[in-house]
Amino acid sequence: MKSSKIVRPIDDNGRVVIPKHLIKDIFKARPEENISLEVLYTEDSIILKRFQPSCSFCDSCDDLKEFNGMKICPDCLEKIKQL
């Protein structure tokens, strides 16, 4: 895995700008693609991951359907139907 280090200031609103070339390189995003980032944090670190929607019940990312704002995979939907 390629790594590098950059230092970016935090502005008065608590924002940090991530250079566009890093977003493209790291997340393999096309310029026209809107991506969302998932922010994971601990006491002393922050990890940014590309957000991948997943099933509200099992975390599967395959063939999701939406119902009342929840994402549901076909397997969990079938289990719910059997209740």
PDB file of N, CA and C in Angstrom:
ATOM      1  N   MET A   1       0.837  -1.170   0.000  1.00  0.00           N
ATOM      2  CA  MET A   1       0.000   0.000   0.000  1.00  0.00           C
ATOM      3  C   MET A   1       0.884   1.237   0.000  1.00  0.00           C
ATOM      4  N   LYS A   2       0.601   2.150  -0.887  1.00  0.00           N
ATOM      5  CA  LYS A   2       1.333   3.398  -0.988  1.00  0.00           C
ATOM      6  C   LYS A   2       0.885   4.334   0.144  1.00  0.00           C
ATOM      7  N   SER A   3       1.826   5.013   0.766  1.00  0.00           N
ATOM      8  CA  SER A   3       1.448   5.967   1.797  1.00  0.00           C
ATOM      9  C   SER A   3       2.237   7.254   1.624  1.00  0.00           C
ATOM     10  N   SER A   4       1.688   8.312   2.138  1.00  0.00           N
ATOM     11  CA  SER A   4       2.351   9.604   2.116  1.00  0.00           C
ATOM     12  C   SER A   4       1.817  10.416   3.280  1.00  0.00           C
ATOM     13  N   LYS A   5       2.391  11.579   3.473  1.00  0.00           N
ATOM     14  CA  LYS A   5       1.987  12.410   4.599  1.00  0.00           C
ATOM     15  C   LYS A   5       1.759  13.829   4.107  1.00  0.00           C
ATOM     16  N   ILE A   6       0.638  14.411   4.519  1.00  0.00           N
ATOM     17  CA  ILE A   6       0.390  15.819   4.258  1.00  0.00           C
ATOM     18  C   ILE A   6      -0.065  16.446   5.573  1.00  0.00           C
ATOM     19  N   VAL A   7       0.153  17.717   5.696  1.00  0.00           N
ATOM     20  CA  VAL A   7      -0.309  18.454   6.871  1.00  0.00           C
ATOM     21  C   VAL A   7      -1.319  19.481   6.388  1.00  0.00           C
ATOM     22  N   ARG A   8      -2.507  19.456   6.963  1.00  0.00           N
ATOM     23  CA  ARG A   8      -3.561  20.386   6.565  1.00  0.00           C
ATOM     24  C   ARG A   8      -4.072  21.107   7.806  1.00  0.00           C
ATOM     25  N   PRO A   9      -4.311  22.413   7.720  1.00  0.00           N
ATOM     26  CA  PRO A   9      -4.828  23.148   8.876  1.00  0.00           C
ATOM     27  C   PRO A   9      -6.316  22.862   9.099  1.00  0.00           C
ATOM     28  N   ILE A  10      -6.770  23.023  10.320  1.00  0.00           N
ATOM     29  CA  ILE A  10      -8.186  22.942  10.654  1.00  0.00           C
ATOM     30  C   ILE A  10      -8.697  24.382  10.729  1.00  0.00           C
ATOM     31  N   ASP A  11      -9.760  24.694   9.967  1.00  0.00           N
ATOM     32  CA  ASP A  11     -10.243  26.074   9.957  1.00  0.00           C
ATOM     33  C   ASP A  11     -11.105  26.367  11.195  1.00  0.00           C
ATOM     34  N   ASP A  12     -11.598  27.596  11.295  1.00  0.00           N
ATOM     35  CA  ASP A  12     -12.375  28.021  12.459  1.00  0.00           C
ATOM     36  C   ASP A  12     -13.670  27.231  12.642  1.00  0.00           C
ATOM     37  N   ASN A  13     -14.156  26.612  11.576  1.00  0.00           N
ATOM     38  CA  ASN A  13     -15.376  25.800  11.645  1.00  0.00           C
ATOM     39  C   ASN A  13     -15.083  24.320  11.849  1.00  0.00           C
ATOM     40  N   GLY A  14     -13.822  23.969  12.088  1.00  0.00           N
ATOM     41  CA  GLY A  14     -13.446  22.577  12.332  1.00  0.00           C
ATOM     42  C   GLY A  14     -13.288  21.742  11.076  1.00  0.00           C
ATOM     43  N   ARG A  15     -13.167  22.386   9.925  1.00  0.00           N
ATOM     44  CA  ARG A  15     -13.060  21.659   8.658  1.00  0.00           C
ATOM     45  C   ARG A  15     -11.612  21.471   8.237  1.00  0.00           C
ATOM     46  N   VAL A  16     -11.384  20.367   7.539  1.00  0.00           N
ATOM     47  CA  VAL A  16     -10.086  20.073   6.946  1.00  0.00           C
ATOM     48  C   VAL A  16     -10.333  19.819   5.464  1.00  0.00           C
ATOM     49  N   VAL A  17      -9.560  20.449   4.610  1.00  0.00           N
ATOM     50  CA  VAL A  17      -9.703  20.241   3.170  1.00  0.00           C
ATOM     51  C   VAL A  17      -8.791  19.097   2.757  1.00  0.00           C
ATOM     52  N   ILE A  18      -9.382  18.110   2.083  1.00  0.00           N
ATOM     53  CA  ILE A  18      -8.610  16.988   1.547  1.00  0.00           C
ATOM     54  C   ILE A  18      -8.374  17.289   0.073  1.00  0.00           C
ATOM     55  N   PRO A  19      -7.122  17.364  -0.360  1.00  0.00           N
ATOM     56  CA  PRO A  19      -6.855  17.690  -1.766  1.00  0.00           C
ATOM     57  C   PRO A  19      -7.561  16.733  -2.728  1.00  0.00           C
ATOM     58  N   LYS A  20      -8.080  17.300  -3.801  1.00  0.00           N
ATOM     59  CA  LYS A  20      -8.847  16.541  -4.785  1.00  0.00           C
ATOM     60  C   LYS A  20      -8.063  15.349  -5.332  1.00  0.00           C
ATOM     61  N   HIS A  21      -6.769  15.536  -5.575  1.00  0.00           N
ATOM     62  CA  HIS A  21      -5.991  14.426  -6.141  1.00  0.00           C
ATOM     63  C   HIS A  21      -5.925  13.241  -5.171  1.00  0.00           C
ATOM     64  N   LEU A  22      -5.971  13.499  -3.875  1.00  0.00           N
ATOM     65  CA  LEU A  22      -5.974  12.384  -2.915  1.00  0.00           C
ATOM     66  C   LEU A  22      -7.299  11.637  -2.957  1.00  0.00           C
ATOM     67  N   ILE A  23      -8.390  12.368  -3.060  1.00  0.00           N
ATOM     68  CA  ILE A  23      -9.703  11.723  -3.155  1.00  0.00           C
ATOM     69  C   ILE A  23      -9.745  10.832  -4.395  1.00  0.00           C
ATOM     70  N   LYS A  24      -9.281  11.373  -5.525  1.00  0.00           N
ATOM     71  CA  LYS A  24      -9.279  10.593  -6.759  1.00  0.00           C
ATOM     72  C   LYS A  24      -8.375   9.372  -6.644  1.00  0.00           C
ATOM     73  N   ASP A  25      -7.168   9.545  -6.096  1.00  0.00           N
ATOM     74  CA  ASP A  25      -6.209   8.448  -5.993  1.00  0.00           C
ATOM     75  C   ASP A  25      -6.652   7.374  -5.001  1.00  0.00           C
ATOM     76  N   ILE A  26      -7.060   7.809  -3.836  1.00  0.00           N
ATOM     77  CA  ILE A  26      -7.382   6.857  -2.769  1.00  0.00           C
ATOM     78  C   ILE A  26      -8.711   6.149  -3.004  1.00  0.00           C
ATOM     79  N   PHE A  27      -9.739   6.918  -3.383  1.00  0.00           N
ATOM     80  CA  PHE A  27     -11.069   6.339  -3.504  1.00  0.00           C
ATOM     81  C   PHE A  27     -11.436   5.981  -4.936  1.00  0.00           C
ATOM     82  N   LYS A  28     -10.495   6.145  -5.847  1.00  0.00           N
ATOM     83  CA  LYS A  28     -10.707   5.813  -7.260  1.00  0.00           C
ATOM     84  C   LYS A  28     -11.968   6.466  -7.803  1.00  0.00           C
ATOM     85  N   ALA A  29     -12.212   7.713  -7.378  1.00  0.00           N
ATOM     86  CA  ALA A  29     -13.418   8.429  -7.784  1.00  0.00           C
ATOM     87  C   ALA A  29     -13.204   9.127  -9.116  1.00  0.00           C
ATOM     88  N   ARG A  30     -14.236   9.110  -9.937  1.00  0.00           N
ATOM     89  CA  ARG A  30     -14.231   9.890 -11.165  1.00  0.00           C
ATOM     90  C   ARG A  30     -14.608  11.321 -10.792  1.00  0.00           C
ATOM     91  N   PRO A  31     -14.131  12.322 -11.533  1.00  0.00           N
ATOM     92  CA  PRO A  31     -14.408  13.721 -11.183  1.00  0.00           C
ATOM     93  C   PRO A  31     -15.897  14.032 -11.024  1.00  0.00           C
ATOM     94  N   GLU A  32     -16.754  13.406 -11.824  1.00  0.00           N
ATOM     95  CA  GLU A  32     -18.184  13.706 -11.767  1.00  0.00           C
ATOM     96  C   GLU A  32     -18.921  12.894 -10.700  1.00  0.00           C
ATOM     97  N   GLU A  33     -18.227  11.975 -10.074  1.00  0.00           N
ATOM     98  CA  GLU A  33     -18.866  11.081  -9.102  1.00  0.00           C
ATOM     99  C   GLU A  33     -18.926  11.730  -7.715  1.00  0.00           C
ATOM    100  N   ASN A  34     -20.116  11.715  -7.134  1.00  0.00           N
ATOM    101  CA  ASN A  34     -20.260  12.174  -5.753  1.00  0.00           C
ATOM    102  C   ASN A  34     -20.056  10.980  -4.837  1.00  0.00           C
ATOM    103  N   ILE A  35     -19.132  11.103  -3.915  1.00  0.00           N
ATOM    104  CA  ILE A  35     -18.911  10.018  -2.973  1.00  0.00           C
ATOM    105  C   ILE A  35     -19.143  10.537  -1.563  1.00  0.00           C
ATOM    106  N   SER A  36     -19.492   9.647  -0.692  1.00  0.00           N
ATOM    107  CA  SER A  36     -19.637   9.972   0.726  1.00  0.00           C
ATOM    108  C   SER A  36     -18.560   9.219   1.479  1.00  0.00           C
ATOM    109  N   LEU A  37     -18.083   9.841   2.541  1.00  0.00           N
ATOM    110  CA  LEU A  37     -17.062   9.220   3.370  1.00  0.00           C
ATOM    111  C   LEU A  37     -17.648   8.830   4.713  1.00  0.00           C
ATOM    112  N   GLU A  38     -17.223   7.695   5.202  1.00  0.00           N
ATOM    113  CA  GLU A  38     -17.572   7.238   6.541  1.00  0.00           C
ATOM    114  C   GLU A  38     -16.412   7.648   7.446  1.00  0.00           C
ATOM    115  N   VAL A  39     -16.712   8.265   8.568  1.00  0.00           N
ATOM    116  CA  VAL A  39     -15.677   8.743   9.482  1.00  0.00           C
ATOM    117  C   VAL A  39     -15.647   7.833  10.708  1.00  0.00           C
ATOM    118  N   LEU A  40     -14.519   7.175  10.912  1.00  0.00           N
ATOM    119  CA  LEU A  40     -14.306   6.331  12.085  1.00  0.00           C
ATOM    120  C   LEU A  40     -13.264   7.023  12.946  1.00  0.00           C
ATOM    121  N   TYR A  41     -13.444   7.008  14.234  1.00  0.00           N
ATOM    122  CA  TYR A  41     -12.466   7.702  15.072  1.00  0.00           C
ATOM    123  C   TYR A  41     -12.254   6.990  16.393  1.00  0.00           C
ATOM    124  N   THR A  42     -11.063   7.213  16.945  1.00  0.00           N
ATOM    125  CA  THR A  42     -10.703   6.746  18.271  1.00  0.00           C
ATOM    126  C   THR A  42     -10.201   7.960  19.040  1.00  0.00           C
ATOM    127  N   GLU A  43      -9.632   7.724  20.175  1.00  0.00           N
ATOM    128  CA  GLU A  43      -9.125   8.819  20.989  1.00  0.00           C
ATOM    129  C   GLU A  43      -8.120   9.700  20.254  1.00  0.00           C
ATOM    130  N   ASP A  44      -7.283   9.084  19.422  1.00  0.00           N
ATOM    131  CA  ASP A  44      -6.198   9.856  18.819  1.00  0.00           C
ATOM    132  C   ASP A  44      -6.063   9.708  17.307  1.00  0.00           C
ATOM    133  N   SER A  45      -7.072   9.168  16.647  1.00  0.00           N
ATOM    134  CA  SER A  45      -6.965   9.048  15.189  1.00  0.00           C
ATOM    135  C   SER A  45      -8.335   9.117  14.524  1.00  0.00           C
ATOM    136  N   ILE A  46      -8.316   9.497  13.257  1.00  0.00           N
ATOM    137  CA  ILE A  46      -9.516   9.557  12.431  1.00  0.00           C
ATOM    138  C   ILE A  46      -9.226   8.753  11.170  1.00  0.00           C
ATOM    139  N   ILE A  47     -10.164   7.899  10.786  1.00  0.00           N
ATOM    140  CA  ILE A  47     -10.039   7.099   9.569  1.00  0.00           C
ATOM    141  C   ILE A  47     -11.202   7.457   8.658  1.00  0.00           C
ATOM    142  N   LEU A  48     -10.895   7.782   7.416  1.00  0.00           N
ATOM    143  CA  LEU A  48     -11.920   8.063   6.419  1.00  0.00           C
ATOM    144  C   LEU A  48     -12.013   6.877   5.475  1.00  0.00           C
ATOM    145  N   LYS A  49     -13.231   6.367   5.286  1.00  0.00           N
ATOM    146  CA  LYS A  49     -13.462   5.259   4.366  1.00  0.00           C
ATOM    147  C   LYS A  49     -14.565   5.663   3.410  1.00  0.00           C
ATOM    148  N   ARG A  50     -14.489   5.153   2.197  1.00  0.00           N
ATOM    149  CA  ARG A  50     -15.574   5.385   1.250  1.00  0.00           C
ATOM    150  C   ARG A  50     -16.827   4.722   1.810  1.00  0.00           C
ATOM    151  N   PHE A  51     -17.919   5.469   1.874  1.00  0.00           N
ATOM    152  CA  PHE A  51     -19.162   4.929   2.418  1.00  0.00           C
ATOM    153  C   PHE A  51     -19.787   3.968   1.428  1.00  0.00           C
ATOM    154  N   GLN A  52     -20.144   2.811   1.905  1.00  0.00           N
ATOM    155  CA  GLN A  52     -20.811   1.794   1.104  1.00  0.00           C
ATOM    156  C   GLN A  52     -22.122   1.444   1.800  1.00  0.00           C
ATOM    157  N   PRO A  53     -23.279   1.816   1.222  1.00  0.00           N
ATOM    158  CA  PRO A  53     -24.542   1.470   1.869  1.00  0.00           C
ATOM    159  C   PRO A  53     -24.640  -0.036   2.081  1.00  0.00           C
ATOM    160  N   SER A  54     -25.248  -0.431   3.188  1.00  0.00           N
ATOM    161  CA  SER A  54     -25.385  -1.858   3.477  1.00  0.00           C
ATOM    162  C   SER A  54     -26.726  -2.127   4.140  1.00  0.00           C
ATOM    163  N   CYS A  55     -27.090  -3.387   4.181  1.00  0.00           N
ATOM    164  CA  CYS A  55     -28.335  -3.825   4.785  1.00  0.00           C
ATOM    165  C   CYS A  55     -28.360  -3.427   6.265  1.00  0.00           C
ATOM    166  N   SER A  56     -29.492  -2.913   6.707  1.00  0.00           N
ATOM    167  CA  SER A  56     -29.646  -2.485   8.099  1.00  0.00           C
ATOM    168  C   SER A  56     -29.573  -3.655   9.076  1.00  0.00           C
ATOM    169  N   PHE A  57     -29.752  -4.872   8.583  1.00  0.00           N
ATOM    170  CA  PHE A  57     -29.780  -6.033   9.462  1.00  0.00           C
ATOM    171  C   PHE A  57     -28.510  -6.875   9.425  1.00  0.00           C
ATOM    172  N   CYS A  58     -27.914  -7.055   8.242  1.00  0.00           N
ATOM    173  CA  CYS A  58     -26.785  -7.994   8.154  1.00  0.00           C
ATOM    174  C   CYS A  58     -25.514  -7.393   7.537  1.00  0.00           C
ATOM    175  N   ASP A  59     -25.538  -6.145   7.111  1.00  0.00           N
ATOM    176  CA  ASP A  59     -24.406  -5.445   6.499  1.00  0.00           C
ATOM    177  C   ASP A  59     -24.050  -5.915   5.090  1.00  0.00           C
ATOM    178  N   SER A  60     -24.888  -6.718   4.470  1.00  0.00           N
ATOM    179  CA  SER A  60     -24.655  -7.098   3.076  1.00  0.00           C
ATOM    180  C   SER A  60     -24.791  -5.857   2.197  1.00  0.00           C
ATOM    181  N   CYS A  61     -24.045  -5.816   1.105  1.00  0.00           N
ATOM    182  CA  CYS A  61     -24.093  -4.667   0.181  1.00  0.00           C
ATOM    183  C   CYS A  61     -24.735  -5.038  -1.149  1.00  0.00           C
ATOM    184  N   ASP A  62     -25.284  -6.234  -1.247  1.00  0.00           N
ATOM    185  CA  ASP A  62     -25.792  -6.745  -2.521  1.00  0.00           C
ATOM    186  C   ASP A  62     -27.272  -6.447  -2.732  1.00  0.00           C
ATOM    187  N   ASP A  63     -27.612  -5.859  -3.884  1.00  0.00           N
ATOM    188  CA  ASP A  63     -28.987  -5.705  -4.363  1.00  0.00           C
ATOM    189  C   ASP A  63     -29.930  -5.129  -3.295  1.00  0.00           C
ATOM    190  N   LEU A  64     -29.571  -4.006  -2.718  1.00  0.00           N
ATOM    191  CA  LEU A  64     -30.349  -3.426  -1.618  1.00  0.00           C
ATOM    192  C   LEU A  64     -31.635  -2.775  -2.107  1.00  0.00           C
ATOM    193  N   LYS A  65     -32.685  -2.929  -1.315  1.00  0.00           N
ATOM    194  CA  LYS A  65     -33.965  -2.248  -1.523  1.00  0.00           C
ATOM    195  C   LYS A  65     -34.131  -1.286  -0.355  1.00  0.00           C
ATOM    196  N   GLU A  66     -34.907  -0.225  -0.562  1.00  0.00           N
ATOM    197  CA  GLU A  66     -35.130   0.727   0.519  1.00  0.00           C
ATOM    198  C   GLU A  66     -36.582   0.660   0.968  1.00  0.00           C
ATOM    199  N   PHE A  67     -36.771   0.652   2.295  1.00  0.00           N
ATOM    200  CA  PHE A  67     -38.109   0.654   2.872  1.00  0.00           C
ATOM    201  C   PHE A  67     -38.092   1.514   4.124  1.00  0.00           C
ATOM    202  N   ASN A  68     -38.920   2.544   4.157  1.00  0.00           N
ATOM    203  CA  ASN A  68     -38.988   3.475   5.297  1.00  0.00           C
ATOM    204  C   ASN A  68     -37.616   3.980   5.718  1.00  0.00           C
ATOM    205  N   GLY A  69     -36.789   4.316   4.731  1.00  0.00           N
ATOM    206  CA  GLY A  69     -35.465   4.871   5.015  1.00  0.00           C
ATOM    207  C   GLY A  69     -34.416   3.841   5.401  1.00  0.00           C
ATOM    208  N   MET A  70     -34.776   2.563   5.390  1.00  0.00           N
ATOM    209  CA  MET A  70     -33.825   1.502   5.734  1.00  0.00           C
ATOM    210  C   MET A  70     -33.447   0.736   4.478  1.00  0.00           C
ATOM    211  N   LYS A  71     -32.193   0.340   4.386  1.00  0.00           N
ATOM    212  CA  LYS A  71     -31.715  -0.507   3.290  1.00  0.00           C
ATOM    213  C   LYS A  71     -31.858  -1.964   3.739  1.00  0.00           C
ATOM    214  N   ILE A  72     -32.419  -2.798   2.851  1.00  0.00           N
ATOM    215  CA  ILE A  72     -32.645  -4.212   3.185  1.00  0.00           C
ATOM    216  C   ILE A  72     -32.216  -5.075   2.005  1.00  0.00           C
ATOM    217  N   CYS A  73     -31.426  -6.125   2.294  1.00  0.00           N
ATOM    218  CA  CYS A  73     -30.992  -7.054   1.244  1.00  0.00           C
ATOM    219  C   CYS A  73     -32.091  -8.086   0.991  1.00  0.00           C
ATOM    220  N   PRO A  74     -32.044  -8.777  -0.142  1.00  0.00           N
ATOM    221  CA  PRO A  74     -33.077  -9.772  -0.459  1.00  0.00           C
ATOM    222  C   PRO A  74     -33.202 -10.886   0.589  1.00  0.00           C
ATOM    223  N   ASP A  75     -32.076 -11.344   1.154  1.00  0.00           N
ATOM    224  CA  ASP A  75     -32.140 -12.421   2.150  1.00  0.00           C
ATOM    225  C   ASP A  75     -32.896 -11.984   3.400  1.00  0.00           C
ATOM    226  N   CYS A  76     -32.586 -10.786   3.902  1.00  0.00           N
ATOM    227  CA  CYS A  76     -33.268 -10.300   5.109  1.00  0.00           C
ATOM    228  C   CYS A  76     -34.729  -9.986   4.810  1.00  0.00           C
ATOM    229  N   LEU A  77     -35.021  -9.494   3.612  1.00  0.00           N
ATOM    230  CA  LEU A  77     -36.394  -9.207   3.233  1.00  0.00           C
ATOM    231  C   LEU A  77     -37.219 -10.505   3.232  1.00  0.00           C
ATOM    232  N   GLU A  78     -36.620 -11.557   2.726  1.00  0.00           N
ATOM    233  CA  GLU A  78     -37.299 -12.859   2.705  1.00  0.00           C
ATOM    234  C   GLU A  78     -37.545 -13.353   4.137  1.00  0.00           C
ATOM    235  N   LYS A  79     -36.578 -13.195   5.018  1.00  0.00           N
ATOM    236  CA  LYS A  79     -36.754 -13.603   6.419  1.00  0.00           C
ATOM    237  C   LYS A  79     -37.867 -12.808   7.093  1.00  0.00           C
ATOM    238  N   ILE A  80     -37.966 -11.517   6.771  1.00  0.00           N
ATOM    239  CA  ILE A  80     -39.012 -10.679   7.356  1.00  0.00           C
ATOM    240  C   ILE A  80     -40.384 -11.125   6.856  1.00  0.00           C
ATOM    241  N   LYS A  81     -40.468 -11.468   5.579  1.00  0.00           N
ATOM    242  CA  LYS A  81     -41.735 -11.930   5.019  1.00  0.00           C
ATOM    243  C   LYS A  81     -42.223 -13.205   5.697  1.00  0.00           C
ATOM    244  N   GLN A  82     -41.304 -14.028   6.182  1.00  0.00           N
ATOM    245  CA  GLN A  82     -41.675 -15.306   6.792  1.00  0.00           C
ATOM    246  C   GLN A  82     -42.139 -15.151   8.243  1.00  0.00           C
ATOM    247  N   LEU A  83     -41.990 -13.975   8.811  1.00  0.00           N
ATOM    248  CA  LEU A  83     -42.415 -13.758  10.210  1.00  0.00           C
ATOM    249  C   LEU A  83     -43.910 -13.743  10.350  1.00  0.00           C
TER     250      LEU A  83
END
